[in-house]
Amino acid sequence: MASKYLDGSTKKAIRKWIKRVKRKDYKKGKKAGLRAEKKLKLSYKVLGIGNYRIVYEMDDSYVLKVATCKKGIVSNQIEKHIYKNSPQSVRYHLVKVKKGGKGWIIMEKAEKLPRETRYISKVAELKQKFEDVGIIADDIYGGRPNWGNLGIKDKEIVVVDYGKFKFQSEKDAQ
């Protein structure tokens, strides 16, 4: 199924990059993202570079997130885990994970959530909704929305980056 989304040369470039990340343990940040972009040389448009991952626009429907450091690999694993194990009552607020591999993940694309006051209380309510089902979602709202982690799809607020989410039960176990 991965070949439906990624061609052989793209998968090869990502595999090579992730081996390098594991070996060198790059630090987080924009510099690592720029390094990844330069080494990967993927044909997709870069949508953004975060602390742990670089995000490419595959087409109008999907994005590809590639880890730029070890924490990015973990973030991709967390997103797969959270999406797969979240109750349906909140899952529709998570951008859908389509496919993932070592160090990469493909997700549905959402539009950016406009930075408008009318959304502030809705984001706070969304955070509470996650917490009510045992998901710690501090990364979307901490007194104000984390706009970069939020989007809008089908007129609903969705989380486009939930790589730092945790199930309360997993936090308690730590």
Foldseek 3Di string as FASTA:
>chain_A
DVCVQDPPLLVVQLVVQLVVQVVPQDFFDDVLVVVSCVSSVDPFDWPDGGRFWTWGDSDQWKIKTFGSGPLLQLLQVVLVVCLVPPDPVLNVQAFAWDDDDRRMTMTTDFAFDDPDPVCFVVQVVSCVVCVVRQKHQVQQDDPGGPRVQWGADPNDIHGHGRSPMDGNVVVVVD
